[in-house]
Amino acid sequence: MLVIVGLVVAFILIAVFSNRATRNCRWREYPQGDQSRWTCIHCGAETRGPRGKTPQRCLRDTG
């Protein structure tokens, strides 16, 4: 019973503290020199940014 309560609490904490702006985004990095091309496999949005640092907001609605 204690394990079940712990799992429920863990899922609630993840839901509360996760970044809602990028919750559905799944970024893939394609390195190109010191910059990278980032593509979201969920919605197809693309952007460029520093190598190793995923975008911090969803780009789905920006065209």
PDB file of N, CA and C in Angstrom:
ATOM      1  N   MET A   1       0.826  -1.196   0.000  1.00  0.00           N
ATOM      2  CA  MET A   1       0.000   0.000   0.000  1.00  0.00           C
ATOM      3  C   MET A   1       0.869   1.258   0.000  1.00  0.00           C
ATOM      4  N   LEU A   2       1.950   1.216   0.752  1.00  0.00           N
ATOM      5  CA  LEU A   2       2.840   2.363   0.836  1.00  0.00           C
ATOM      6  C   LEU A   2       3.507   2.640  -0.515  1.00  0.00           C
ATOM      7  N   VAL A   3       3.813   1.586  -1.252  1.00  0.00           N
ATOM      8  CA  VAL A   3       4.424   1.739  -2.572  1.00  0.00           C
ATOM      9  C   VAL A   3       3.449   2.428  -3.533  1.00  0.00           C
ATOM     10  N   ILE A   4       2.211   2.062  -3.488  1.00  0.00           N
ATOM     11  CA  ILE A   4       1.194   2.670  -4.354  1.00  0.00           C
ATOM     12  C   ILE A   4       1.037   4.152  -4.042  1.00  0.00           C
ATOM     13  N   VAL A   5       0.984   4.500  -2.774  1.00  0.00           N
ATOM     14  CA  VAL A   5       0.882   5.906  -2.371  1.00  0.00           C
ATOM     15  C   VAL A   5       2.113   6.675  -2.844  1.00  0.00           C
ATOM     16  N   GLY A   6       3.293   6.076  -2.727  1.00  0.00           N
ATOM     17  CA  GLY A   6       4.523   6.719  -3.188  1.00  0.00           C
ATOM     18  C   GLY A   6       4.507   6.961  -4.692  1.00  0.00           C
ATOM     19  N   LEU A   7       4.010   5.998  -5.460  1.00  0.00           N
ATOM     20  CA  LEU A   7       3.915   6.175  -6.910  1.00  0.00           C
ATOM     21  C   LEU A   7       2.934   7.290  -7.291  1.00  0.00           C
ATOM     22  N   VAL A   8       1.813   7.339  -6.610  1.00  0.00           N
ATOM     23  CA  VAL A   8       0.832   8.396  -6.878  1.00  0.00           C
ATOM     24  C   VAL A   8       1.430   9.763  -6.577  1.00  0.00           C
ATOM     25  N   VAL A   9       2.114   9.889  -5.460  1.00  0.00           N
ATOM     26  CA  VAL A   9       2.754  11.157  -5.097  1.00  0.00           C
ATOM     27  C   VAL A   9       3.814  11.527  -6.133  1.00  0.00           C
ATOM     28  N   ALA A  10       4.599  10.552  -6.598  1.00  0.00           N
ATOM     29  CA  ALA A  10       5.629  10.821  -7.605  1.00  0.00           C
ATOM     30  C   ALA A  10       5.007  11.337  -8.894  1.00  0.00           C
ATOM     31  N   PHE A  11       3.942  10.719  -9.364  1.00  0.00           N
ATOM     32  CA  PHE A  11       3.285  11.174 -10.592  1.00  0.00           C
ATOM     33  C   PHE A  11       2.691  12.571 -10.435  1.00  0.00           C
ATOM     34  N   ILE A  12       2.149  12.868  -9.281  1.00  0.00           N
ATOM     35  CA  ILE A  12       1.602  14.207  -9.036  1.00  0.00           C
ATOM     36  C   ILE A  12       2.720  15.242  -9.053  1.00  0.00           C
ATOM     37  N   LEU A  13       3.850  14.944  -8.426  1.00  0.00           N
ATOM     38  CA  LEU A  13       4.978  15.880  -8.418  1.00  0.00           C
ATOM     39  C   LEU A  13       5.536  16.101  -9.827  1.00  0.00           C
ATOM     40  N   ILE A  14       5.616  15.056 -10.608  1.00  0.00           N
ATOM     41  CA  ILE A  14       6.077  15.200 -11.995  1.00  0.00           C
ATOM     42  C   ILE A  14       5.121  16.083 -12.782  1.00  0.00           C
ATOM     43  N   ALA A  15       3.823  15.886 -12.612  1.00  0.00           N
ATOM     44  CA  ALA A  15       2.837  16.692 -13.335  1.00  0.00           C
ATOM     45  C   ALA A  15       2.907  18.164 -12.924  1.00  0.00           C
ATOM     46  N   VAL A  16       3.133  18.427 -11.658  1.00  0.00           N
ATOM     47  CA  VAL A  16       3.167  19.801 -11.165  1.00  0.00           C
ATOM     48  C   VAL A  16       4.436  20.522 -11.609  1.00  0.00           C
ATOM     49  N   PHE A  17       5.582  19.859 -11.547  1.00  0.00           N
ATOM     50  CA  PHE A  17       6.854  20.523 -11.803  1.00  0.00           C
ATOM     51  C   PHE A  17       7.378  20.377 -13.227  1.00  0.00           C
ATOM     52  N   SER A  18       6.686  19.657 -14.090  1.00  0.00           N
ATOM     53  CA  SER A  18       7.161  19.533 -15.471  1.00  0.00           C
ATOM     54  C   SER A  18       6.858  20.823 -16.236  1.00  0.00           C
ATOM     55  N   ASN A  19       7.646  21.057 -17.265  1.00  0.00           N
ATOM     56  CA  ASN A  19       7.491  22.255 -18.080  1.00  0.00           C
ATOM     57  C   ASN A  19       6.339  22.051 -19.061  1.00  0.00           C
ATOM     58  N   ARG A  20       5.228  22.706 -18.842  1.00  0.00           N
ATOM     59  CA  ARG A  20       4.056  22.515 -19.695  1.00  0.00           C
ATOM     60  C   ARG A  20       4.238  23.066 -21.098  1.00  0.00           C
ATOM     61  N   ALA A  21       5.149  24.017 -21.257  1.00  0.00           N
ATOM     62  CA  ALA A  21       5.371  24.608 -22.580  1.00  0.00           C
ATOM     63  C   ALA A  21       6.005  23.619 -23.545  1.00  0.00           C
ATOM     64  N   THR A  22       6.701  22.616 -23.022  1.00  0.00           N
ATOM     65  CA  THR A  22       7.335  21.625 -23.895  1.00  0.00           C
ATOM     66  C   THR A  22       6.981  20.204 -23.498  1.00  0.00           C
ATOM     67  N   ARG A  23       5.856  20.023 -22.879  1.00  0.00           N
ATOM     68  CA  ARG A  23       5.484  18.692 -22.387  1.00  0.00           C
ATOM     69  C   ARG A  23       5.407  17.666 -23.507  1.00  0.00           C
ATOM     70  N   ASN A  24       4.820  18.000 -24.649  1.00  0.00           N
ATOM     71  CA  ASN A  24       4.678  17.037 -25.734  1.00  0.00           C
ATOM     72  C   ASN A  24       5.864  17.035 -26.691  1.00  0.00           C
ATOM     73  N   CYS A  25       6.775  17.971 -26.545  1.00  0.00           N
ATOM     74  CA  CYS A  25       7.898  18.074 -27.472  1.00  0.00           C
ATOM     75  C   CYS A  25       8.924  16.975 -27.210  1.00  0.00           C
ATOM     76  N   ARG A  26       9.398  16.380 -28.282  1.00  0.00           N
ATOM     77  CA  ARG A  26      10.470  15.384 -28.224  1.00  0.00           C
ATOM     78  C   ARG A  26      11.523  15.817 -29.221  1.00  0.00           C
ATOM     79  N   TRP A  27      12.521  16.536 -28.737  1.00  0.00           N
ATOM     80  CA  TRP A  27      13.523  17.153 -29.602  1.00  0.00           C
ATOM     81  C   TRP A  27      14.617  16.178 -29.996  1.00  0.00           C
ATOM     82  N   ARG A  28      14.994  16.223 -31.272  1.00  0.00           N
ATOM     83  CA  ARG A  28      16.130  15.474 -31.796  1.00  0.00           C
ATOM     84  C   ARG A  28      17.163  16.475 -32.281  1.00  0.00           C
ATOM     85  N   GLU A  29      18.411  16.226 -31.919  1.00  0.00           N
ATOM     86  CA  GLU A  29      19.491  17.156 -32.250  1.00  0.00           C
ATOM     87  C   GLU A  29      20.267  16.650 -33.457  1.00  0.00           C
ATOM     88  N   TYR A  30      20.532  17.570 -34.389  1.00  0.00           N
ATOM     89  CA  TYR A  30      21.371  17.308 -35.545  1.00  0.00           C
ATOM     90  C   TYR A  30      22.508  18.319 -35.518  1.00  0.00           C
ATOM     91  N   PRO A  31      23.668  17.950 -34.922  1.00  0.00           N
ATOM     92  CA  PRO A  31      24.783  18.892 -34.769  1.00  0.00           C
ATOM     93  C   PRO A  31      25.326  19.366 -36.115  1.00  0.00           C
ATOM     94  N   GLN A  32      25.617  20.652 -36.181  1.00  0.00           N
ATOM     95  CA  GLN A  32      26.209  21.266 -37.366  1.00  0.00           C
ATOM     96  C   GLN A  32      27.202  22.321 -36.893  1.00  0.00           C
ATOM     97  N   GLY A  33      28.440  21.909 -36.652  1.00  0.00           N
ATOM     98  CA  GLY A  33      29.437  22.839 -36.119  1.00  0.00           C
ATOM     99  C   GLY A  33      29.165  23.132 -34.658  1.00  0.00           C
ATOM    100  N   ASP A  34      29.221  24.423 -34.286  1.00  0.00           N
ATOM    101  CA  ASP A  34      28.950  24.787 -32.894  1.00  0.00           C
ATOM    102  C   ASP A  34      27.461  25.012 -32.636  1.00  0.00           C
ATOM    103  N   GLN A  35      26.649  25.000 -33.683  1.00  0.00           N
ATOM    104  CA  GLN A  35      25.192  25.114 -33.568  1.00  0.00           C
ATOM    105  C   GLN A  35      24.563  23.754 -33.888  1.00  0.00           C
ATOM    106  N   SER A  36      23.305  23.586 -33.543  1.00  0.00           N
ATOM    107  CA  SER A  36      22.570  22.368 -33.845  1.00  0.00           C
ATOM    108  C   SER A  36      21.224  22.723 -34.439  1.00  0.00           C
ATOM    109  N   ARG A  37      20.732  21.842 -35.277  1.00  0.00           N
ATOM    110  CA  ARG A  37      19.363  21.955 -35.785  1.00  0.00           C
ATOM    111  C   ARG A  37      18.527  21.026 -34.928  1.00  0.00           C
ATOM    112  N   TRP A  38      17.472  21.549 -34.333  1.00  0.00           N
ATOM    113  CA  TRP A  38      16.593  20.787 -33.458  1.00  0.00           C
ATOM    114  C   TRP A  38      15.270  20.547 -34.164  1.00  0.00           C
ATOM    115  N   THR A  39      14.798  19.295 -34.174  1.00  0.00           N
ATOM    116  CA  THR A  39      13.525  18.941 -34.791  1.00  0.00           C
ATOM    117  C   THR A  39      12.674  18.204 -33.764  1.00  0.00           C
ATOM    118  N   CYS A  40      11.426  18.635 -33.629  1.00  0.00           N
ATOM    119  CA  CYS A  40      10.493  17.974 -32.719  1.00  0.00           C
ATOM    120  C   CYS A  40       9.849  16.812 -33.473  1.00  0.00           C
ATOM    121  N   ILE A  41       9.980  15.602 -32.951  1.00  0.00           N
ATOM    122  CA  ILE A  41       9.394  14.461 -33.642  1.00  0.00           C
ATOM    123  C   ILE A  41       7.896  14.351 -33.387  1.00  0.00           C
ATOM    124  N   HIS A  42       7.381  15.135 -32.435  1.00  0.00           N
ATOM    125  CA  HIS A  42       5.951  15.101 -32.140  1.00  0.00           C
ATOM    126  C   HIS A  42       5.155  15.968 -33.116  1.00  0.00           C
ATOM    127  N   CYS A  43       5.635  17.184 -33.389  1.00  0.00           N
ATOM    128  CA  CYS A  43       4.866  18.102 -34.231  1.00  0.00           C
ATOM    129  C   CYS A  43       5.601  18.529 -35.496  1.00  0.00           C
ATOM    130  N   GLY A  44       6.901  18.263 -35.590  1.00  0.00           N
ATOM    131  CA  GLY A  44       7.656  18.606 -36.785  1.00  0.00           C
ATOM    132  C   GLY A  44       8.277  19.993 -36.782  1.00  0.00           C
ATOM    133  N   ALA A  45       8.150  20.736 -35.701  1.00  0.00           N
ATOM    134  CA  ALA A  45       8.743  22.077 -35.622  1.00  0.00           C
ATOM    135  C   ALA A  45      10.265  21.972 -35.678  1.00  0.00           C
ATOM    136  N   GLU A  46      10.907  22.962 -36.293  1.00  0.00           N
ATOM    137  CA  GLU A  46      12.367  22.997 -36.389  1.00  0.00           C
ATOM    138  C   GLU A  46      12.888  24.338 -35.919  1.00  0.00           C
ATOM    139  N   THR A  47      14.083  24.311 -35.322  1.00  0.00           N
ATOM    140  CA  THR A  47      14.748  25.524 -34.883  1.00  0.00           C
ATOM    141  C   THR A  47      16.244  25.259 -34.815  1.00  0.00           C
ATOM    142  N   ARG A  48      17.010  26.302 -34.640  1.00  0.00           N
ATOM    143  CA  ARG A  48      18.455  26.176 -34.460  1.00  0.00           C
ATOM    144  C   ARG A  48      18.808  26.733 -33.084  1.00  0.00           C
ATOM    145  N   GLY A  49      19.873  26.184 -32.505  1.00  0.00           N
ATOM    146  CA  GLY A  49      20.273  26.643 -31.188  1.00  0.00           C
ATOM    147  C   GLY A  49      21.619  26.085 -30.798  1.00  0.00           C
ATOM    148  N   PRO A  50      22.074  26.424 -29.599  1.00  0.00           N
ATOM    149  CA  PRO A  50      23.373  25.940 -29.130  1.00  0.00           C
ATOM    150  C   PRO A  50      23.396  24.423 -29.022  1.00  0.00           C
ATOM    151  N   ARG A  51      24.543  23.875 -29.240  1.00  0.00           N
ATOM    152  CA  ARG A  51      24.731  22.435 -29.195  1.00  0.00           C
ATOM    153  C   ARG A  51      24.489  21.905 -27.786  1.00  0.00           C
ATOM    154  N   GLY A  52      23.687  20.866 -27.663  1.00  0.00           N
ATOM    155  CA  GLY A  52      23.453  20.210 -26.380  1.00  0.00           C
ATOM    156  C   GLY A  52      22.399  20.856 -25.503  1.00  0.00           C
ATOM    157  N   LYS A  53      21.790  21.959 -25.926  1.00  0.00           N
ATOM    158  CA  LYS A  53      20.779  22.646 -25.109  1.00  0.00           C
ATOM    159  C   LYS A  53      19.434  22.620 -25.847  1.00  0.00           C
ATOM    160  N   THR A  54      18.513  21.814 -25.366  1.00  0.00           N
ATOM    161  CA  THR A  54      17.219  21.681 -26.027  1.00  0.00           C
ATOM    162  C   THR A  54      16.410  22.970 -25.932  1.00  0.00           C
ATOM    163  N   PRO A  55      15.547  23.246 -26.906  1.00  0.00           N
ATOM    164  CA  PRO A  55      14.679  24.427 -26.826  1.00  0.00           C
ATOM    165  C   PRO A  55      13.787  24.361 -25.583  1.00  0.00           C
ATOM    166  N   GLN A  56      13.521  25.517 -25.007  1.00  0.00           N
ATOM    167  CA  GLN A  56      12.774  25.583 -23.754  1.00  0.00           C
ATOM    168  C   GLN A  56      11.299  25.911 -23.930  1.00  0.00           C
ATOM    169  N   ARG A  57      10.849  26.068 -25.170  1.00  0.00           N
ATOM    170  CA  ARG A  57       9.419  26.316 -25.393  1.00  0.00           C
ATOM    171  C   ARG A  57       8.979  25.588 -26.652  1.00  0.00           C
ATOM    172  N   CYS A  58       7.707  25.314 -26.735  1.00  0.00           N
ATOM    173  CA  CYS A  58       7.149  24.600 -27.879  1.00  0.00           C
ATOM    174  C   CYS A  58       7.040  25.576 -29.057  1.00  0.00           C
ATOM    175  N   LEU A  59       7.442  25.116 -30.216  1.00  0.00           N
ATOM    176  CA  LEU A  59       7.398  25.957 -31.420  1.00  0.00           C
ATOM    177  C   LEU A  59       6.298  25.505 -32.372  1.00  0.00           C
ATOM    178  N   ARG A  60       5.372  24.706 -31.901  1.00  0.00           N
ATOM    179  CA  ARG A  60       4.318  24.136 -32.731  1.00  0.00           C
ATOM    180  C   ARG A  60       3.453  25.206 -33.397  1.00  0.00           C
ATOM    181  N   ASP A  61       3.109  26.271 -32.703  1.00  0.00           N
ATOM    182  CA  ASP A  61       2.191  27.277 -33.229  1.00  0.00           C
ATOM    183  C   ASP A  61       2.877  28.443 -33.915  1.00  0.00           C
ATOM    184  N   THR A  62       4.197  28.425 -34.030  1.00  0.00           N
ATOM    185  CA  THR A  62       4.888  29.573 -34.607  1.00  0.00           C
ATOM    186  C   THR A  62       5.113  29.421 -36.103  1.00  0.00           C
ATOM    187  N   GLY A  63       4.602  28.378 -36.691  1.00  0.00           N
ATOM    188  CA  GLY A  63       4.701  28.229 -38.150  1.00  0.00           C
ATOM    189  C   GLY A  63       5.765  27.313 -38.490  1.00  0.00           C
TER     190      GLY A  63
END
